[in-house]
């Protein structure tokens, strides 16, 4: 992970990109604001229902990959 501060050239490029984005109509900005990402298991059924939160949490722990972040809190 790169945690360095951006140099002046990078900062100017970012500011130019932000300025250009701010000039676009809201409809276009919203279209590009969200990125659809497939989530294994979660996206594989139109809906799921559970009788209790405990049942839901047990299902999450058993069925979902850890990297999705639905497992028990540490």
PDB file of N, CA and C in Angstrom:
ATOM      1  N   UNK A   1       0.838  -1.171   0.000  1.00  0.00           N
ATOM      2  CA  UNK A   1       0.000   0.000   0.000  1.00  0.00           C
ATOM      3  C   UNK A   1       0.886   1.239   0.000  1.00  0.00           C
ATOM      4  N   UNK A   2       0.586   2.160  -0.879  1.00  0.00           N
ATOM      5  CA  UNK A   2       1.372   3.380  -1.020  1.00  0.00           C
ATOM      6  C   UNK A   2       0.771   4.468  -0.131  1.00  0.00           C
ATOM      7  N   UNK A   3       1.468   4.838   0.942  1.00  0.00           N
ATOM      8  CA  UNK A   3       0.951   5.828   1.877  1.00  0.00           C
ATOM      9  C   UNK A   3       1.651   7.174   1.756  1.00  0.00           C
ATOM     10  N   UNK A   4       2.433   7.349   0.719  1.00  0.00           N
ATOM     11  CA  UNK A   4       3.150   8.614   0.566  1.00  0.00           C
ATOM     12  C   UNK A   4       2.206   9.736   0.171  1.00  0.00           C
ATOM     13  N   UNK A   5       2.617  10.938   0.435  1.00  0.00           N
ATOM     14  CA  UNK A   5       1.856  12.117   0.021  1.00  0.00           C
ATOM     15  C   UNK A   5       2.025  12.319  -1.487  1.00  0.00           C
ATOM     16  N   UNK A   6       0.957  12.763  -2.167  1.00  0.00           N
ATOM     17  CA  UNK A   6       1.091  13.010  -3.603  1.00  0.00           C
ATOM     18  C   UNK A   6       1.997  14.218  -3.853  1.00  0.00           C
ATOM     19  N   UNK A   7       2.737  14.154  -4.957  1.00  0.00           N
ATOM     20  CA  UNK A   7       3.569  15.308  -5.285  1.00  0.00           C
ATOM     21  C   UNK A   7       2.698  16.385  -5.939  1.00  0.00           C
ATOM     22  N   UNK A   8       3.276  17.503  -6.241  1.00  0.00           N
ATOM     23  CA  UNK A   8       2.519  18.647  -6.760  1.00  0.00           C
ATOM     24  C   UNK A   8       1.856  18.338  -8.098  1.00  0.00           C
ATOM     25  N   UNK A   9       2.541  17.598  -8.963  1.00  0.00           N
ATOM     26  CA  UNK A   9       1.969  17.245 -10.273  1.00  0.00           C
ATOM     27  C   UNK A   9       0.733  16.365 -10.089  1.00  0.00           C
ATOM     28  N   UNK A  10       0.845  15.343  -9.230  1.00  0.00           N
ATOM     29  CA  UNK A  10      -0.307  14.472  -8.968  1.00  0.00           C
ATOM     30  C   UNK A  10      -1.472  15.266  -8.378  1.00  0.00           C
ATOM     31  N   UNK A  11      -1.163  16.147  -7.461  1.00  0.00           N
ATOM     32  CA  UNK A  11      -2.219  16.953  -6.829  1.00  0.00           C
ATOM     33  C   UNK A  11      -2.936  17.812  -7.874  1.00  0.00           C
ATOM     34  N   UNK A  12      -2.189  18.415  -8.786  1.00  0.00           N
ATOM     35  CA  UNK A  12      -2.812  19.228  -9.843  1.00  0.00           C
ATOM     36  C   UNK A  12      -3.674  18.365 -10.772  1.00  0.00           C
ATOM     37  N   UNK A  13      -3.195  17.158 -11.085  1.00  0.00           N
ATOM     38  CA  UNK A  13      -3.985  16.256 -11.928  1.00  0.00           C
ATOM     39  C   UNK A  13      -5.298  15.887 -11.242  1.00  0.00           C
ATOM     40  N   UNK A  14      -5.223  15.582  -9.945  1.00  0.00           N
ATOM     41  CA  UNK A  14      -6.441  15.241  -9.195  1.00  0.00           C
ATOM     42  C   UNK A  14      -7.411  16.416  -9.187  1.00  0.00           C
ATOM     43  N   UNK A  15      -6.891  17.605  -8.919  1.00  0.00           N
ATOM     44  CA  UNK A  15      -7.754  18.782  -8.877  1.00  0.00           C
ATOM     45  C   UNK A  15      -8.417  19.033 -10.227  1.00  0.00           C
ATOM     46  N   UNK A  16      -7.679  18.818 -11.313  1.00  0.00           N
ATOM     47  CA  UNK A  16      -8.251  18.983 -12.650  1.00  0.00           C
ATOM     48  C   UNK A  16      -9.356  17.947 -12.890  1.00  0.00           C
ATOM     49  N   UNK A  17      -9.131  16.700 -12.459  1.00  0.00           N
ATOM     50  CA  UNK A  17     -10.150  15.663 -12.612  1.00  0.00           C
ATOM     51  C   UNK A  17     -11.395  15.993 -11.785  1.00  0.00           C
ATOM     52  N   UNK A  18     -11.201  16.433 -10.550  1.00  0.00           N
ATOM     53  CA  UNK A  18     -12.340  16.793  -9.703  1.00  0.00           C
ATOM     54  C   UNK A  18     -13.110  17.976 -10.294  1.00  0.00           C
ATOM     55  N   UNK A  19     -12.397  18.957 -10.818  1.00  0.00           N
ATOM     56  CA  UNK A  19     -13.049  20.117 -11.421  1.00  0.00           C
ATOM     57  C   UNK A  19     -13.869  19.692 -12.633  1.00  0.00           C
ATOM     58  N   UNK A  20     -13.293  18.827 -13.481  1.00  0.00           N
ATOM     59  CA  UNK A  20     -14.027  18.347 -14.660  1.00  0.00           C
ATOM     60  C   UNK A  20     -15.272  17.574 -14.228  1.00  0.00           C
ATOM     61  N   UNK A  21     -15.142  16.721 -13.214  1.00  0.00           N
ATOM     62  CA  UNK A  21     -16.282  15.937 -12.728  1.00  0.00           C
ATOM     63  C   UNK A  21     -17.370  16.845 -12.165  1.00  0.00           C
ATOM     64  N   UNK A  22     -16.973  17.912 -11.497  1.00  0.00           N
ATOM     65  CA  UNK A  22     -17.974  18.796 -10.889  1.00  0.00           C
ATOM     66  C   UNK A  22     -18.785  19.553 -11.936  1.00  0.00           C
ATOM     67  N   UNK A  23     -18.280  19.635 -13.147  1.00  0.00           N
ATOM     68  CA  UNK A  23     -18.991  20.330 -14.216  1.00  0.00           C
ATOM     69  C   UNK A  23     -19.996  19.429 -14.941  1.00  0.00           C
ATOM     70  N   UNK A  24     -19.915  18.120 -14.706  1.00  0.00           N
ATOM     71  CA  UNK A  24     -20.839  17.198 -15.364  1.00  0.00           C
ATOM     72  C   UNK A  24     -22.212  17.270 -14.696  1.00  0.00           C
ATOM     73  N   UNK A  25     -23.265  16.994 -15.443  1.00  0.00           N
ATOM     74  CA  UNK A  25     -24.598  16.961 -14.848  1.00  0.00           C
ATOM     75  C   UNK A  25     -24.696  15.855 -13.791  1.00  0.00           C
ATOM     76  N   UNK A  26     -25.565  16.057 -12.824  1.00  0.00           N
ATOM     77  CA  UNK A  26     -25.712  15.117 -11.730  1.00  0.00           C
ATOM     78  C   UNK A  26     -26.020  13.705 -12.213  1.00  0.00           C
ATOM     79  N   UNK A  27     -26.863  13.569 -13.212  1.00  0.00           N
ATOM     80  CA  UNK A  27     -27.221  12.240 -13.734  1.00  0.00           C
ATOM     81  C   UNK A  27     -25.976  11.472 -14.191  1.00  0.00           C
ATOM     82  N   UNK A  28     -25.067  12.138 -14.869  1.00  0.00           N
ATOM     83  CA  UNK A  28     -23.846  11.481 -15.344  1.00  0.00           C
ATOM     84  C   UNK A  28     -22.919  11.170 -14.174  1.00  0.00           C
ATOM     85  N   UNK A  29     -22.803  12.108 -13.231  1.00  0.00           N
ATOM     86  CA  UNK A  29     -21.944  11.855 -12.065  1.00  0.00           C
ATOM     87  C   UNK A  29     -22.444  10.649 -11.282  1.00  0.00           C
ATOM     88  N   UNK A  30     -23.756  10.519 -11.129  1.00  0.00           N
ATOM     89  CA  UNK A  30     -24.300   9.373 -10.397  1.00  0.00           C
ATOM     90  C   UNK A  30     -24.094   8.071 -11.160  1.00  0.00           C
ATOM     91  N   UNK A  31     -24.178   8.124 -12.477  1.00  0.00           N
ATOM     92  CA  UNK A  31     -23.973   6.908 -13.269  1.00  0.00           C
ATOM     93  C   UNK A  31     -22.572   6.333 -13.047  1.00  0.00           C
ATOM     94  N   UNK A  32     -21.583   7.208 -12.911  1.00  0.00           N
ATOM     95  CA  UNK A  32     -20.206   6.750 -12.743  1.00  0.00           C
ATOM     96  C   UNK A  32     -19.773   6.663 -11.286  1.00  0.00           C
ATOM     97  N   UNK A  33     -20.649   7.004 -10.351  1.00  0.00           N
ATOM     98  CA  UNK A  33     -20.273   7.032  -8.938  1.00  0.00           C
ATOM     99  C   UNK A  33     -20.262   5.649  -8.296  1.00  0.00           C
ATOM    100  N   UNK A  34     -21.011   4.718  -8.833  1.00  0.00           N
ATOM    101  CA  UNK A  34     -21.147   3.412  -8.207  1.00  0.00           C
ATOM    102  C   UNK A  34     -20.601   2.331  -9.128  1.00  0.00           C
ATOM    103  N   UNK A  35     -19.846   1.436  -8.559  1.00  0.00           N
ATOM    104  CA  UNK A  35     -19.258   0.340  -9.329  1.00  0.00           C
ATOM    105  C   UNK A  35     -19.930  -0.950  -8.874  1.00  0.00           C
ATOM    106  N   UNK A  36     -20.518  -1.671  -9.802  1.00  0.00           N
ATOM    107  CA  UNK A  36     -21.190  -2.927  -9.485  1.00  0.00           C
ATOM    108  C   UNK A  36     -20.140  -4.015  -9.350  1.00  0.00           C
ATOM    109  N   UNK A  37     -20.093  -4.650  -8.211  1.00  0.00           N
ATOM    110  CA  UNK A  37     -19.140  -5.718  -7.949  1.00  0.00           C
ATOM    111  C   UNK A  37     -19.901  -6.981  -7.583  1.00  0.00           C
ATOM    112  N   UNK A  38     -19.603  -8.069  -8.264  1.00  0.00           N
ATOM    113  CA  UNK A  38     -20.226  -9.351  -7.948  1.00  0.00           C
ATOM    114  C   UNK A  38     -19.750  -9.816  -6.579  1.00  0.00           C
ATOM    115  N   UNK A  39     -20.702 -10.193  -5.734  1.00  0.00           N
ATOM    116  CA  UNK A  39     -20.389 -10.722  -4.414  1.00  0.00           C
ATOM    117  C   UNK A  39     -20.813 -12.184  -4.395  1.00  0.00           C
ATOM    118  N   UNK A  40     -19.844 -13.107  -4.335  1.00  0.00           N
ATOM    119  CA  UNK A  40     -20.188 -14.532  -4.367  1.00  0.00           C
ATOM    120  C   UNK A  40     -21.196 -14.874  -3.273  1.00  0.00           C
ATOM    121  N   UNK A  41     -22.087 -15.769  -3.583  1.00  0.00           N
ATOM    122  CA  UNK A  41     -23.143 -16.276  -2.712  1.00  0.00           C
ATOM    123  C   UNK A  41     -24.219 -15.216  -2.491  1.00  0.00           C
ATOM    124  N   UNK A  42     -23.870 -14.010  -2.067  1.00  0.00           N
ATOM    125  CA  UNK A  42     -24.869 -12.967  -1.814  1.00  0.00           C
ATOM    126  C   UNK A  42     -25.662 -12.637  -3.074  1.00  0.00           C
ATOM    127  N   UNK A  43     -25.007 -12.584  -4.210  1.00  0.00           N
ATOM    128  CA  UNK A  43     -25.664 -12.206  -5.463  1.00  0.00           C
ATOM    129  C   UNK A  43     -26.265 -13.392  -6.215  1.00  0.00           C
ATOM    130  N   UNK A  44     -26.159 -14.582  -5.650  1.00  0.00           N
ATOM    131  CA  UNK A  44     -26.593 -15.776  -6.370  1.00  0.00           C
ATOM    132  C   UNK A  44     -28.072 -16.114  -6.187  1.00  0.00           C
ATOM    133  N   UNK A  45     -28.784 -15.398  -5.339  1.00  0.00           N
ATOM    134  CA  UNK A  45     -30.218 -15.625  -5.138  1.00  0.00           C
ATOM    135  C   UNK A  45     -30.913 -14.269  -5.077  1.00  0.00           C
ATOM    136  N   UNK A  46     -32.150 -14.189  -5.562  1.00  0.00           N
ATOM    137  CA  UNK A  46     -32.838 -12.895  -5.555  1.00  0.00           C
ATOM    138  C   UNK A  46     -33.116 -12.376  -4.144  1.00  0.00           C
ATOM    139  N   UNK A  47     -33.329 -13.272  -3.185  1.00  0.00           N
ATOM    140  CA  UNK A  47     -33.518 -12.844  -1.800  1.00  0.00           C
ATOM    141  C   UNK A  47     -33.335 -14.037  -0.868  1.00  0.00           C
ATOM    142  N   UNK A  48     -33.152 -13.749   0.374  1.00  0.00           N
ATOM    143  CA  UNK A  48     -33.094 -14.766   1.424  1.00  0.00           C
ATOM    144  C   UNK A  48     -33.828 -14.204   2.629  1.00  0.00           C
ATOM    145  N   UNK A  49     -34.425 -15.077   3.412  1.00  0.00           N
ATOM    146  CA  UNK A  49     -35.051 -14.615   4.647  1.00  0.00           C
ATOM    147  C   UNK A  49     -34.670 -15.564   5.778  1.00  0.00           C
ATOM    148  N   UNK A  50     -34.603 -15.020   6.960  1.00  0.00           N
ATOM    149  CA  UNK A  50     -34.204 -15.771   8.142  1.00  0.00           C
ATOM    150  C   UNK A  50     -35.182 -15.480   9.263  1.00  0.00           C
ATOM    151  N   UNK A  51     -35.375 -16.445  10.131  1.00  0.00           N
ATOM    152  CA  UNK A  51     -36.301 -16.270  11.250  1.00  0.00           C
ATOM    153  C   UNK A  51     -35.703 -15.465  12.389  1.00  0.00           C
ATOM    154  N   UNK A  52     -34.391 -15.388  12.432  1.00  0.00           N
ATOM    155  CA  UNK A  52     -33.759 -14.631  13.518  1.00  0.00           C
ATOM    156  C   UNK A  52     -32.413 -14.088  13.052  1.00  0.00           C
ATOM    157  N   UNK A  53     -31.926 -13.114  13.782  1.00  0.00           N
ATOM    158  CA  UNK A  53     -30.605 -12.564  13.492  1.00  0.00           C
ATOM    159  C   UNK A  53     -29.538 -13.616  13.731  1.00  0.00           C
ATOM    160  N   UNK A  54     -29.732 -14.460  14.724  1.00  0.00           N
ATOM    161  CA  UNK A  54     -28.762 -15.529  15.011  1.00  0.00           C
ATOM    162  C   UNK A  54     -28.662 -16.490  13.825  1.00  0.00           C
ATOM    163  N   UNK A  55     -29.803 -16.819  13.229  1.00  0.00           N
ATOM    164  CA  UNK A  55     -29.803 -17.700  12.058  1.00  0.00           C
ATOM    165  C   UNK A  55     -29.076 -17.028  10.884  1.00  0.00           C
ATOM    166  N   UNK A  56     -29.337 -15.750  10.689  1.00  0.00           N
ATOM    167  CA  UNK A  56     -28.658 -14.993   9.625  1.00  0.00           C
ATOM    168  C   UNK A  56     -27.148 -14.972   9.848  1.00  0.00           C
ATOM    169  N   UNK A  57     -26.727 -14.686  11.072  1.00  0.00           N
ATOM    170  CA  UNK A  57     -25.289 -14.630  11.374  1.00  0.00           C
ATOM    171  C   UNK A  57     -24.627 -15.982  11.195  1.00  0.00           C
ATOM    172  N   UNK A  58     -25.306 -17.049  11.590  1.00  0.00           N
ATOM    173  CA  UNK A  58     -24.754 -18.398  11.398  1.00  0.00           C
ATOM    174  C   UNK A  58     -24.610 -18.707   9.912  1.00  0.00           C
ATOM    175  N   UNK A  59     -25.612 -18.304   9.119  1.00  0.00           N
ATOM    176  CA  UNK A  59     -25.540 -18.519   7.674  1.00  0.00           C
ATOM    177  C   UNK A  59     -24.364 -17.749   7.075  1.00  0.00           C
ATOM    178  N   UNK A  60     -24.208 -16.493   7.465  1.00  0.00           N
ATOM    179  CA  UNK A  60     -23.099 -15.675   6.963  1.00  0.00           C
ATOM    180  C   UNK A  60     -21.757 -16.327   7.283  1.00  0.00           C
ATOM    181  N   UNK A  61     -21.593 -16.771   8.528  1.00  0.00           N
ATOM    182  CA  UNK A  61     -20.328 -17.376   8.952  1.00  0.00           C
ATOM    183  C   UNK A  61     -20.033 -18.659   8.182  1.00  0.00           C
ATOM    184  N   UNK A  62     -21.073 -19.425   7.871  1.00  0.00           N
ATOM    185  CA  UNK A  62     -20.875 -20.711   7.192  1.00  0.00           C
ATOM    186  C   UNK A  62     -20.747 -20.581   5.679  1.00  0.00           C
ATOM    187  N   UNK A  63     -21.430 -19.612   5.080  1.00  0.00           N
ATOM    188  CA  UNK A  63     -21.548 -19.571   3.617  1.00  0.00           C
ATOM    189  C   UNK A  63     -20.734 -18.502   2.907  1.00  0.00           C
ATOM    190  N   UNK A  64     -20.446 -17.396   3.555  1.00  0.00           N
ATOM    191  CA  UNK A  64     -19.823 -16.275   2.853  1.00  0.00           C
ATOM    192  C   UNK A  64     -18.311 -16.264   3.023  1.00  0.00           C
ATOM    193  N   UNK A  65     -17.583 -15.863   1.966  1.00  0.00           N
ATOM    194  CA  UNK A  65     -16.130 -15.744   2.087  1.00  0.00           C
ATOM    195  C   UNK A  65     -15.772 -14.666   3.120  1.00  0.00           C
ATOM    196  N   UNK A  66     -14.694 -14.890   3.841  1.00  0.00           N
ATOM    197  CA  UNK A  66     -14.262 -13.945   4.881  1.00  0.00           C
ATOM    198  C   UNK A  66     -14.045 -12.540   4.344  1.00  0.00           C
ATOM    199  N   UNK A  67     -13.533 -12.438   3.107  1.00  0.00           N
ATOM    200  CA  UNK A  67     -13.172 -11.117   2.588  1.00  0.00           C
ATOM    201  C   UNK A  67     -14.374 -10.203   2.362  1.00  0.00           C
ATOM    202  N   UNK A  68     -15.591 -10.749   2.374  1.00  0.00           N
ATOM    203  CA  UNK A  68     -16.775  -9.905   2.245  1.00  0.00           C
ATOM    204  C   UNK A  68     -17.059  -9.135   3.528  1.00  0.00           C
ATOM    205  N   UNK A  69     -16.536  -9.615   4.647  1.00  0.00           N
ATOM    206  CA  UNK A  69     -16.684  -8.887   5.900  1.00  0.00           C
ATOM    207  C   UNK A  69     -17.979  -9.130   6.643  1.00  0.00           C
ATOM    208  N   UNK A  70     -18.685 -10.222   6.352  1.00  0.00           N
ATOM    209  CA  UNK A  70     -19.936 -10.512   7.040  1.00  0.00           C
ATOM    210  C   UNK A  70     -19.752 -11.505   8.177  1.00  0.00           C
ATOM    211  N   UNK A  71     -18.529 -11.846   8.487  1.00  0.00           N
ATOM    212  CA  UNK A  71     -18.275 -12.815   9.555  1.00  0.00           C
ATOM    213  C   UNK A  71     -18.370 -12.161  10.929  1.00  0.00           C
ATOM    214  N   UNK A  72     -18.183 -12.956  11.962  1.00  0.00           N
ATOM    215  CA  UNK A  72     -18.239 -12.396  13.326  1.00  0.00           C
ATOM    216  C   UNK A  72     -17.174 -11.349  13.537  1.00  0.00           C
ATOM    217  N   UNK A  73     -17.490 -10.343  14.317  1.00  0.00           N
ATOM    218  CA  UNK A  73     -16.518  -9.282  14.622  1.00  0.00           C
ATOM    219  C   UNK A  73     -15.416  -9.845  15.504  1.00  0.00           C
ATOM    220  N   UNK A  74     -14.239  -9.365  15.274  1.00  0.00           N
ATOM    221  CA  UNK A  74     -13.092  -9.845  16.059  1.00  0.00           C
ATOM    222  C   UNK A  74     -12.886  -8.932  17.241  1.00  0.00           C
TER     223      UNK A  74
END
